[in-house]
Amino acid sequence: MVASRLTALALAAGLAYLALPGTFLFDDHSLFAESQPVPAWLQPRPVTYLTFATDKLLWGRNAAGFRLTNLLIHLGAAFLLFRLARRYLDEGGALFAAALFALHPANGEPLFYVFARSSSLAALFCLAAFELWLSQFRWLAVAAFAVALGAKEECAAFPLVLALHEWGARRPIPKAPIAAMIATACAAGARVIYSTAAIGNSGSGFGQSTHPWPYFEQQGAAIWIYLSHIAAPFPISIDPPIPPEWAWAWIPILAAAVWTMRSRPRPESPALWFLAAGLLLLPSSSVLPAADAMAYRRIYLPMAALAIGAALAVPARARLPIGAVLAIFGLMLRPQWQSEEFAWRHAHEQAPEKLRPVIQLSRAVSRPEALRLLEAAKTKNPRNADLASHLGRVHLEMSNPALALSEFGKALALEPADPRHLQNRGVALYLLNQNDAARADFERALTLDPCLGAARINLEKLGGTPPPPCLSTTASNAK
């Protein structure tokens, strides 16, 4: 017992070293926008955003404070996983499961990337619901699951895992609480689908450029990539390469699931937990498209089930070497999450065909290097409005508004209904002393999006009268 407690203390200290202090990455910066891009009543993850609001009150813009909250959530999830695993394993095995979950590099994104907190927060409350369920507090488990859905809707398959557990244990499945959980999950899913349809560029839902069937084909390959990086956890990037469309990749996955179901594994069997991991991954890796075909934060909750399955399958003598290897990989990946430049340079090296790593890297490096990166990407993607917009931004930062105006004009020609391009072109026109034309661009941008904060501020500087304050807080900043 003393050894286990000391090991757990060392684990917590090691994770604290890995997580802190770091910096904000990618979407983290949007937490400090003057107005949020989503109306409060459409926000599908209110529990997560409540923690963000609390952190802003406590820490201001201190990234280490936000990461400390991520760390506490991560350790809380690992502790609850230890309690769950302890029901099927000895103390050493349960501690190995918790360490595998906490230390695995594939599970690190919600620890290092503040905006990915929704995944660890949902997992925390799902594991709490599992604990309550097994302690016979079934309706409290329903409430905990509802909170988990409020953190992230991708945990929607969790009641199926509880039903699978009861089925494997040869116990009657309690119909009323399971039905209540499924109804809550369906309501949360319907709200998310509505929200993603109502919000432009939401990143998920059926409004994406990727259609359900191609996305489904990609997810078969994505699951195998996840599994390969769980077995060999390197390299893992913030923006993984796009998986191929391999419909056949689902065949062995579905065959393994059917074979496992036919054997009706008990909770003491690794097979039940591997099947549970597959169920937990389904909401984000099936047919509902997302802007990102792969994201390692999606396997955070499935990793809890995989960790218990692995602890049941791995011999006791192999636990310490595996834990040591994972700790080493975690140390190797730490620099990637401590610097925006390092994170996006690594992502660009791993996925040179993707544009987002190039664009984000251009924000973190010197202006001449940013210009080289974007121009190189433009030669392969000459009709991409985002690239033109960011090239214009770099030209502005290099005090060349004439070249910026040309790039913003190209972006606007490619996407004439995007108010951000009008706002950007207006800035270039203003710097070229073409105030009337700039004012017209800002006014037209606000006609398209009355809550575009940057255009509103710039129009006021030019002496124009912006429209009345918007009510929906859908403002977005210039690219």
Protein backbone atom coordinates (compact mmCIF):
# COMPACT_ATOMS: atom_id res chain seq x y z
CA MET A 1 0.00 0.00 0.00
CA VAL A 2 2.81 2.44 0.90
CA ALA A 3 4.64 1.60 -2.32
CA SER A 4 1.48 2.21 -4.37
CA ARG A 5 0.92 5.58 -2.73
CA LEU A 6 4.52 6.61 -3.33
CA THR A 7 4.23 5.50 -6.96
CA ALA A 8 1.01 7.50 -7.37
CA LEU A 9 2.72 10.55 -5.84
CA ALA A 10 5.65 10.19 -8.24
CA LEU A 11 3.19 9.86 -11.12
CA ALA A 12 1.43 13.08 -10.12
CA ALA A 13 4.75 14.91 -9.79
CA GLY A 14 5.91 13.62 -13.17
CA LEU A 15 2.71 14.72 -14.88
CA ALA A 16 3.00 18.14 -13.25
CA TYR A 17 6.47 18.49 -14.73
CA LEU A 18 5.20 17.43 -18.16
CA ALA A 19 2.18 19.72 -18.16
CA LEU A 20 3.53 22.97 -16.70
CA PRO A 21 4.08 25.75 -17.52
CA GLY A 22 3.67 25.57 -21.32
CA THR A 23 1.78 28.00 -23.48
CA PHE A 24 -1.59 28.48 -25.12
CA LEU A 25 -2.03 26.65 -28.43
CA PHE A 26 -4.32 27.05 -31.41
CA ASP A 27 -7.98 27.49 -30.27
CA ASP A 28 -6.83 28.32 -26.72
CA HIS A 29 -6.37 31.93 -27.82
CA SER A 30 -10.07 32.23 -28.66
CA LEU A 31 -10.83 31.98 -24.94
CA PHE A 32 -9.69 35.59 -24.64
CA ALA A 33 -11.57 36.99 -27.62
CA GLU A 34 -13.58 40.10 -26.81
CA SER A 35 -16.71 38.26 -27.86
CA GLN A 36 -17.13 34.52 -28.13
CA PRO A 37 -17.90 33.00 -31.53
CA VAL A 38 -20.87 30.98 -30.25
CA PRO A 39 -24.06 32.29 -28.61
CA ALA A 40 -24.41 31.07 -25.03
CA TRP A 41 -27.71 29.33 -25.73
CA LEU A 42 -26.13 27.38 -28.61
CA GLN A 43 -23.00 26.38 -26.69
CA PRO A 44 -23.06 22.54 -26.67
CA ARG A 45 -20.44 22.18 -23.91
CA PRO A 46 -21.56 24.42 -21.04
CA VAL A 47 -19.72 22.46 -18.33
CA THR A 48 -16.39 22.85 -20.13
CA TYR A 49 -16.95 26.56 -20.74
CA LEU A 50 -17.84 27.03 -17.08
CA THR A 51 -14.38 25.74 -16.16
CA PHE A 52 -12.81 28.10 -18.71
CA ALA A 53 -14.68 31.05 -17.18
CA THR A 54 -13.49 30.00 -13.70
CA ASP A 55 -9.89 29.73 -14.89
CA LYS A 56 -10.04 33.19 -16.44
CA LEU A 57 -11.18 34.58 -13.11
CA LEU A 58 -8.45 32.73 -11.20
CA TRP A 59 -5.51 32.94 -13.59
CA GLY A 60 -6.18 35.67 -16.11
CA ARG A 61 -4.02 34.89 -19.17
CA ASN A 62 -1.58 32.62 -17.32
CA ALA A 63 -1.31 29.41 -19.37
CA ALA A 64 0.22 27.53 -16.43
CA GLY A 65 -2.97 28.09 -14.40
CA PHE A 66 -5.17 26.69 -17.15
CA ARG A 67 -2.84 23.73 -17.53
CA LEU A 68 -2.94 23.15 -13.79
CA THR A 69 -6.70 22.72 -14.06
CA ASN A 70 -6.16 20.28 -16.94
CA LEU A 71 -3.68 18.38 -14.79
CA LEU A 72 -6.09 18.12 -11.85
CA ILE A 73 -8.85 16.84 -14.12
CA HIS A 74 -6.44 14.31 -15.68
CA LEU A 75 -5.27 13.06 -12.29
CA GLY A 76 -8.87 12.85 -11.08
CA ALA A 77 -9.76 10.68 -14.07
CA ALA A 78 -6.71 8.47 -13.44
CA PHE A 79 -7.72 8.08 -9.78
CA LEU A 80 -11.27 7.05 -10.69
CA LEU A 81 -9.87 4.64 -13.27
CA PHE A 82 -7.69 3.12 -10.54
CA ARG A 83 -10.79 2.59 -8.38
CA LEU A 84 -12.63 0.97 -11.26
CA ALA A 85 -9.70 -1.27 -12.22
CA ARG A 86 -9.25 -2.29 -8.59
CA ARG A 87 -12.51 -4.24 -8.86
CA TYR A 88 -10.94 -6.62 -11.40
CA LEU A 89 -7.21 -6.46 -10.66
CA ASP A 90 -4.84 -6.51 -7.72
CA GLU A 91 -3.48 -3.17 -6.55
CA GLY A 92 -0.40 -3.38 -8.76
CA GLY A 93 -2.48 -4.16 -11.82
CA ALA A 94 -4.91 -1.34 -11.10
CA LEU A 95 -2.05 1.09 -10.62
CA PHE A 96 -0.57 -0.06 -13.94
CA ALA A 97 -3.91 0.61 -15.66
CA ALA A 98 -4.07 4.11 -14.14
CA ALA A 99 -0.44 4.83 -15.09
CA LEU A 100 -1.00 3.57 -18.64
CA PHE A 101 -3.99 5.88 -18.95
CA ALA A 102 -2.23 8.87 -17.37
CA LEU A 103 1.20 8.55 -18.99
CA HIS A 104 0.45 7.35 -22.50
CA PRO A 105 1.52 10.02 -25.04
CA ALA A 106 -1.60 9.36 -27.14
CA ASN A 107 -3.62 10.52 -24.14
CA GLY A 108 -1.64 13.72 -23.58
CA GLU A 109 -3.55 16.20 -25.74
CA PRO A 110 -6.23 17.02 -23.10
CA LEU A 111 -3.42 17.52 -20.59
CA PHE A 112 -1.37 19.98 -22.66
CA TYR A 113 -3.92 21.62 -24.96
CA VAL A 114 -6.35 23.69 -22.88
CA PHE A 115 -9.20 23.61 -25.39
CA ALA A 116 -9.09 19.79 -25.43
CA ARG A 117 -10.11 19.80 -21.76
CA SER A 118 -13.64 18.83 -22.80
CA SER A 119 -12.40 15.27 -23.46
CA SER A 120 -10.82 14.77 -20.04
CA LEU A 121 -13.71 16.48 -18.25
CA ALA A 122 -16.26 14.21 -19.97
CA ALA A 123 -14.12 11.18 -19.09
CA LEU A 124 -13.88 12.30 -15.45
CA PHE A 125 -17.67 12.38 -15.06
CA CYS A 126 -18.17 9.16 -17.04
CA LEU A 127 -15.75 7.37 -14.72
CA ALA A 128 -17.56 8.91 -11.75
CA ALA A 129 -20.82 7.61 -13.23
CA PHE A 130 -19.27 4.13 -13.57
CA GLU A 131 -18.22 4.21 -9.92
CA LEU A 132 -21.71 5.29 -8.83
CA TRP A 133 -23.30 2.65 -11.04
CA LEU A 134 -21.26 -0.19 -9.59
CA SER A 135 -21.98 1.13 -6.10
CA GLN A 136 -25.72 0.77 -6.89
CA PHE A 137 -26.37 4.53 -7.04
CA ARG A 138 -27.89 4.18 -10.48
CA TRP A 139 -29.78 7.47 -10.71
CA LEU A 140 -26.82 9.43 -9.41
CA ALA A 141 -24.86 7.76 -12.22
CA VAL A 142 -27.48 9.09 -14.67
CA ALA A 143 -26.91 12.60 -13.28
CA ALA A 144 -23.11 12.27 -13.53
CA PHE A 145 -23.46 11.13 -17.15
CA ALA A 146 -25.62 14.16 -17.93
CA VAL A 147 -22.80 16.38 -16.60
CA ALA A 148 -20.33 14.44 -18.78
CA LEU A 149 -22.48 15.19 -21.83
CA GLY A 150 -22.38 18.85 -20.82
CA ALA A 151 -18.60 18.67 -20.99
CA LYS A 152 -18.42 16.86 -24.34
CA GLU A 153 -21.14 15.09 -26.26
CA GLU A 154 -18.76 12.48 -27.72
CA CYS A 155 -19.21 10.33 -24.60
CA ALA A 156 -22.76 9.55 -25.81
CA ALA A 157 -22.07 5.79 -26.12
CA PHE A 158 -21.22 5.43 -22.41
CA PRO A 159 -24.62 3.89 -21.43
CA LEU A 160 -23.96 1.13 -23.97
CA VAL A 161 -20.75 0.34 -22.09
CA LEU A 162 -22.69 0.05 -18.81
CA ALA A 163 -25.20 -2.26 -20.51
CA LEU A 164 -22.31 -4.30 -21.97
CA HIS A 165 -20.77 -4.59 -18.49
CA GLU A 166 -24.02 -5.86 -16.96
CA TRP A 167 -24.54 -8.26 -19.87
CA GLY A 168 -21.02 -9.62 -19.49
CA ALA A 169 -21.48 -10.01 -15.74
CA ARG A 170 -24.65 -12.11 -16.39
CA ARG A 171 -26.83 -9.61 -14.55
CA PRO A 172 -30.16 -8.13 -15.66
CA ILE A 173 -29.67 -4.77 -17.38
CA PRO A 174 -31.51 -2.05 -15.38
CA LYS A 175 -33.78 -0.72 -18.11
CA ALA A 176 -35.01 2.56 -16.59
CA PRO A 177 -31.64 4.23 -15.81
CA ILE A 178 -30.08 2.97 -19.06
CA ALA A 179 -33.06 4.30 -21.01
CA ALA A 180 -32.77 7.64 -19.20
CA MET A 181 -29.07 7.85 -20.13
CA ILE A 182 -29.77 6.99 -23.77
CA ALA A 183 -32.57 9.57 -23.93
CA THR A 184 -30.23 12.19 -22.43
CA ALA A 185 -27.52 11.28 -24.93
CA CYS A 186 -29.98 11.52 -27.84
CA ALA A 187 -31.18 14.93 -26.62
CA ALA A 188 -27.58 16.14 -26.32
CA GLY A 189 -26.79 14.77 -29.78
CA ALA A 190 -29.82 16.48 -31.34
CA ARG A 191 -28.80 19.76 -29.71
CA VAL A 192 -25.27 19.42 -31.07
CA ILE A 193 -26.53 18.68 -34.58
CA TYR A 194 -28.80 21.74 -34.39
CA SER A 195 -25.98 23.91 -33.02
CA THR A 196 -23.51 22.83 -35.70
CA ALA A 197 -26.11 23.54 -38.37
CA ALA A 198 -26.80 27.01 -36.93
CA ILE A 199 -23.15 28.00 -36.44
CA GLY A 200 -20.92 28.50 -39.45
CA ASN A 201 -17.51 26.77 -39.45
CA SER A 202 -18.47 24.79 -36.35
CA GLY A 203 -16.01 21.96 -37.07
CA SER A 204 -18.47 19.08 -36.79
CA GLY A 205 -21.88 17.90 -37.91
CA PHE A 206 -23.48 17.21 -41.25
CA GLY A 207 -22.65 20.67 -42.58
CA GLN A 208 -19.01 19.75 -43.17
CA SER A 209 -17.43 19.53 -46.61
CA THR A 210 -16.76 15.84 -45.87
CA HIS A 211 -19.83 13.69 -46.37
CA PRO A 212 -20.81 10.83 -44.04
CA TRP A 213 -19.71 7.89 -46.22
CA PRO A 214 -16.18 9.14 -47.08
CA TYR A 215 -15.77 10.11 -43.44
CA PHE A 216 -16.85 6.60 -42.39
CA GLU A 217 -14.28 5.13 -44.77
CA GLN A 218 -11.57 7.34 -43.28
CA GLN A 219 -12.49 6.32 -39.76
CA GLY A 220 -11.76 2.66 -40.44
CA ALA A 221 -8.18 3.65 -41.26
CA ALA A 222 -8.09 6.19 -38.41
CA ILE A 223 -8.91 3.50 -35.83
CA TRP A 224 -6.00 1.38 -37.04
CA ILE A 225 -3.70 4.41 -36.88
CA TYR A 226 -4.86 5.10 -33.32
CA LEU A 227 -4.13 1.49 -32.38
CA SER A 228 -0.70 1.56 -34.01
CA HIS A 229 0.25 4.70 -32.07
CA ILE A 230 -1.08 3.23 -28.84
CA ALA A 231 1.22 0.24 -29.41
CA ALA A 232 4.14 2.43 -30.59
CA PRO A 233 3.44 5.94 -29.27
CA PHE A 234 5.56 8.03 -31.62
CA PRO A 235 5.11 10.30 -33.50
CA ILE A 236 1.92 11.94 -32.25
CA SER A 237 1.05 15.42 -33.44
CA ILE A 238 -1.53 18.09 -32.68
CA ASP A 239 -2.74 17.85 -36.30
CA PRO A 240 -2.28 14.28 -37.61
CA PRO A 241 -2.10 13.37 -41.31
CA ILE A 242 -5.39 12.78 -43.11
CA PRO A 243 -6.19 9.04 -43.00
CA PRO A 244 -6.90 7.25 -46.30
CA GLU A 245 -10.43 6.21 -47.29
CA TRP A 246 -10.20 2.47 -46.63
CA ALA A 247 -13.68 0.99 -46.35
CA TRP A 248 -12.16 -2.49 -46.01
CA ALA A 249 -10.43 -1.41 -42.78
CA TRP A 250 -13.78 -1.80 -41.03
CA ILE A 251 -14.01 -5.51 -41.91
CA PRO A 252 -11.53 -6.85 -39.30
CA ILE A 253 -12.85 -4.34 -36.74
CA LEU A 254 -16.44 -5.48 -37.15
CA ALA A 255 -15.41 -9.15 -37.37
CA ALA A 256 -13.49 -8.85 -34.08
CA ALA A 257 -16.47 -7.14 -32.44
CA VAL A 258 -18.89 -9.88 -33.58
CA TRP A 259 -16.53 -12.63 -32.45
CA THR A 260 -16.09 -10.96 -29.06
CA MET A 261 -19.84 -10.55 -28.59
CA ARG A 262 -20.43 -14.22 -29.40
CA SER A 263 -18.06 -15.26 -26.61
CA ARG A 264 -19.88 -12.97 -24.12
CA PRO A 265 -16.74 -11.97 -22.17
CA ARG A 266 -16.96 -11.23 -18.49
CA PRO A 267 -15.67 -7.99 -16.90
CA GLU A 268 -12.58 -9.88 -15.78
CA SER A 269 -11.71 -10.51 -19.44
CA PRO A 270 -9.61 -8.06 -21.50
CA ALA A 271 -11.96 -8.65 -24.46
CA LEU A 272 -14.90 -6.91 -22.77
CA TRP A 273 -12.86 -3.75 -22.17
CA PHE A 274 -11.49 -3.71 -25.71
CA LEU A 275 -15.06 -3.95 -26.99
CA ALA A 276 -16.06 -1.15 -24.61
CA ALA A 277 -13.28 1.04 -26.05
CA GLY A 278 -14.67 0.49 -29.53
CA LEU A 279 -18.15 1.49 -28.39
CA LEU A 280 -16.83 4.68 -26.78
CA LEU A 281 -15.04 5.63 -29.99
CA LEU A 282 -18.10 5.21 -32.22
CA PRO A 283 -19.73 8.66 -31.74
CA SER A 284 -16.65 10.45 -33.10
CA SER A 285 -15.37 7.75 -35.45
CA SER A 286 -18.35 6.54 -37.45
CA VAL A 287 -20.60 8.57 -39.79
CA LEU A 288 -21.05 12.01 -38.18
CA PRO A 289 -18.43 14.09 -40.03
CA ALA A 290 -15.95 16.34 -38.27
CA ALA A 291 -13.57 18.85 -39.78
CA ASP A 292 -10.67 16.76 -38.45
CA ALA A 293 -10.70 13.15 -39.63
CA MET A 294 -8.30 12.33 -36.78
CA ALA A 295 -7.65 13.86 -33.38
CA TYR A 296 -5.97 12.02 -30.54
CA ARG A 297 -8.17 13.68 -27.92
CA ARG A 298 -11.00 11.46 -29.20
CA ILE A 299 -9.38 8.34 -27.76
CA TYR A 300 -9.06 9.79 -24.25
CA LEU A 301 -12.17 8.08 -22.83
CA PRO A 302 -11.72 4.89 -24.91
CA MET A 303 -8.18 4.74 -23.51
CA ALA A 304 -9.65 4.23 -20.02
CA ALA A 305 -11.25 0.98 -21.20
CA LEU A 306 -8.14 0.00 -23.18
CA ALA A 307 -5.96 0.58 -20.09
CA ILE A 308 -8.02 -1.84 -18.00
CA GLY A 309 -8.01 -4.39 -20.82
CA ALA A 310 -4.25 -4.06 -21.22
CA ALA A 311 -3.69 -4.42 -17.46
CA LEU A 312 -5.75 -7.63 -17.51
CA ALA A 313 -3.78 -8.96 -20.50
CA VAL A 314 -0.21 -7.90 -19.66
CA PRO A 315 1.84 -10.18 -17.34
CA ALA A 316 2.81 -8.59 -14.02
CA ARG A 317 6.52 -8.74 -14.84
CA ALA A 318 6.02 -6.60 -17.97
CA ARG A 319 4.21 -3.73 -16.22
CA LEU A 320 7.23 -1.81 -14.97
CA PRO A 321 9.18 -1.86 -18.28
CA ILE A 322 6.08 -0.73 -20.21
CA GLY A 323 5.48 2.08 -17.72
CA ALA A 324 9.10 3.21 -18.00
CA VAL A 325 8.98 3.25 -21.82
CA LEU A 326 5.79 5.34 -21.78
CA ALA A 327 7.36 7.80 -19.34
CA ILE A 328 10.37 8.19 -21.66
CA PHE A 329 8.12 8.82 -24.68
CA GLY A 330 6.20 11.37 -22.63
CA LEU A 331 9.44 13.22 -21.88
CA MET A 332 10.40 13.14 -25.55
CA LEU A 333 7.08 14.73 -26.54
CA ARG A 334 7.10 17.42 -23.85
CA PRO A 335 8.86 20.10 -25.97
CA GLN A 336 6.20 19.72 -28.66
CA TRP A 337 3.56 21.02 -26.26
CA GLN A 338 5.63 23.77 -24.68
CA SER A 339 5.96 25.96 -27.77
CA GLU A 340 3.53 26.86 -30.55
CA GLU A 341 6.35 26.92 -33.06
CA PHE A 342 7.54 23.44 -32.07
CA ALA A 343 3.99 22.02 -32.06
CA TRP A 344 3.12 23.30 -35.53
CA ARG A 345 6.55 22.61 -37.03
CA HIS A 346 6.23 19.01 -35.86
CA ALA A 347 2.68 18.80 -37.27
CA HIS A 348 3.85 20.25 -40.60
CA GLU A 349 6.67 17.70 -40.81
CA GLN A 350 4.25 14.85 -40.09
CA ALA A 351 1.53 16.09 -42.48
CA PRO A 352 3.14 18.31 -45.15
CA GLU A 353 0.01 18.01 -47.33
CA LYS A 354 -2.22 19.76 -44.76
CA LEU A 355 -2.68 23.52 -44.83
CA ARG A 356 -3.59 24.21 -41.21
CA PRO A 357 -0.13 23.36 -39.79
CA VAL A 358 1.44 25.68 -42.40
CA ILE A 359 -0.93 28.52 -41.57
CA GLN A 360 -0.52 28.11 -37.81
CA LEU A 361 3.26 27.78 -38.11
CA SER A 362 3.32 31.02 -40.12
CA ARG A 363 1.90 32.78 -37.06
CA ALA A 364 4.71 31.52 -34.81
CA VAL A 365 7.84 32.07 -36.91
CA SER A 366 9.62 35.11 -38.30
CA ARG A 367 7.86 37.06 -41.05
CA PRO A 368 10.35 36.10 -43.82
CA GLU A 369 10.01 32.40 -42.95
CA ALA A 370 6.22 32.75 -42.76
CA LEU A 371 6.22 34.27 -46.24
CA ARG A 372 8.33 31.37 -47.61
CA LEU A 373 6.07 28.77 -46.00
CA LEU A 374 2.86 30.31 -47.29
CA GLU A 375 4.20 30.96 -50.79
CA ALA A 376 5.36 27.33 -51.02
CA ALA A 377 1.93 26.11 -49.93
CA LYS A 378 0.27 28.48 -52.39
CA THR A 379 2.07 26.90 -55.35
CA LYS A 380 0.27 23.62 -54.52
CA ASN A 381 -3.02 25.26 -53.51
CA PRO A 382 -3.41 28.37 -55.71
CA ARG A 383 -7.17 28.67 -55.13
CA ASN A 384 -7.22 28.48 -51.34
CA ALA A 385 -8.70 31.62 -49.80
CA ASP A 386 -7.20 30.98 -46.35
CA LEU A 387 -3.68 30.93 -47.78
CA ALA A 388 -4.29 34.19 -49.65
CA SER A 389 -5.72 35.77 -46.51
CA HIS A 390 -2.75 34.76 -44.38
CA LEU A 391 -0.30 35.91 -47.04
CA GLY A 392 -2.04 39.27 -46.88
CA ARG A 393 -1.68 39.27 -43.11
CA VAL A 394 2.08 38.64 -43.37
CA HIS A 395 2.47 41.42 -45.94
CA LEU A 396 0.66 43.79 -43.58
CA GLU A 397 2.99 42.78 -40.74
CA MET A 398 5.92 43.46 -43.07
CA SER A 399 4.53 46.97 -43.76
CA ASN A 400 3.59 46.25 -47.36
CA PRO A 401 -0.14 47.07 -47.63
CA ALA A 402 -0.11 47.11 -51.45
CA LEU A 403 0.85 43.41 -51.64
CA ALA A 404 -1.54 42.70 -48.78
CA LEU A 405 -4.37 44.34 -50.74
CA SER A 406 -3.66 42.06 -53.70
CA GLU A 407 -3.81 38.91 -51.55
CA PHE A 408 -6.94 40.00 -49.69
CA GLY A 409 -8.55 40.72 -53.05
CA LYS A 410 -7.75 37.18 -54.20
CA ALA A 411 -9.23 35.75 -51.01
CA LEU A 412 -12.39 37.81 -51.52
CA ALA A 413 -12.66 36.67 -55.15
CA LEU A 414 -12.50 33.05 -53.99
CA GLU A 415 -14.93 33.54 -51.08
CA PRO A 416 -16.98 36.68 -51.83
CA ALA A 417 -19.49 36.03 -49.01
CA ASP A 418 -16.86 35.84 -46.24
CA PRO A 419 -16.96 39.09 -44.22
CA ARG A 420 -13.47 38.49 -42.83
CA HIS A 421 -11.93 39.02 -46.25
CA LEU A 422 -13.80 42.32 -46.58
CA GLN A 423 -12.58 43.39 -43.15
CA ASN A 424 -9.01 42.46 -44.05
CA ARG A 425 -9.15 44.26 -47.39
CA GLY A 426 -10.56 47.29 -45.62
CA VAL A 427 -7.51 47.39 -43.35
CA ALA A 428 -5.15 47.34 -46.35
CA LEU A 429 -7.17 50.09 -48.07
CA TYR A 430 -7.08 52.20 -44.91
CA LEU A 431 -3.28 51.87 -44.71
CA LEU A 432 -3.12 53.01 -48.35
CA ASN A 433 -5.18 56.10 -47.41
CA GLN A 434 -8.18 54.93 -49.42
CA ASN A 435 -10.57 55.70 -46.59
CA ASP A 436 -13.81 55.77 -48.56
CA ALA A 437 -13.16 52.34 -50.04
CA ALA A 438 -12.08 51.03 -46.62
CA ARG A 439 -15.26 52.37 -45.02
CA ALA A 440 -17.35 50.66 -47.72
CA ASP A 441 -15.62 47.32 -47.03
CA PHE A 442 -16.16 47.58 -43.27
CA GLU A 443 -19.83 48.48 -43.78
CA ARG A 444 -20.38 45.60 -46.18
CA ALA A 445 -18.60 43.21 -43.80
CA LEU A 446 -20.92 44.28 -40.99
CA THR A 447 -23.92 43.81 -43.27
CA LEU A 448 -22.85 40.19 -43.71
CA ASP A 449 -21.91 39.75 -40.03
CA PRO A 450 -23.13 42.52 -37.68
CA CYS A 451 -21.04 41.01 -34.88
CA LEU A 452 -17.67 41.12 -36.65
CA GLY A 453 -15.82 42.94 -33.89
CA ALA A 454 -12.73 44.02 -35.85
CA ALA A 455 -14.83 45.60 -38.63
CA ARG A 456 -16.97 47.43 -36.05
CA ILE A 457 -13.90 48.91 -34.34
CA ASN A 458 -12.27 49.90 -37.65
CA LEU A 459 -15.44 51.54 -38.94
CA GLU A 460 -15.69 53.62 -35.76
CA LYS A 461 -12.07 54.76 -36.27
CA LEU A 462 -13.03 56.02 -39.72
CA GLY A 463 -15.97 57.95 -38.31
CA GLY A 464 -18.61 55.61 -39.68
CA THR A 465 -21.68 54.49 -37.77
CA PRO A 466 -21.70 50.74 -37.15
CA PRO A 467 -25.01 48.86 -36.84
CA PRO A 468 -26.57 48.46 -33.37
CA PRO A 469 -24.75 46.03 -31.04
CA CYS A 470 -25.40 42.44 -32.04
CA LEU A 471 -27.35 40.18 -29.71
CA SER A 472 -25.91 36.80 -30.62
CA THR A 473 -22.20 37.31 -29.86
CA THR A 474 -21.14 35.63 -33.09
CA ALA A 475 -18.24 37.97 -33.62
CA SER A 476 -15.13 36.65 -35.23
CA ASN A 477 -11.79 38.35 -35.61
CA ALA A 478 -9.98 38.91 -38.87
CA LYS A 479 -7.91 36.02 -40.13
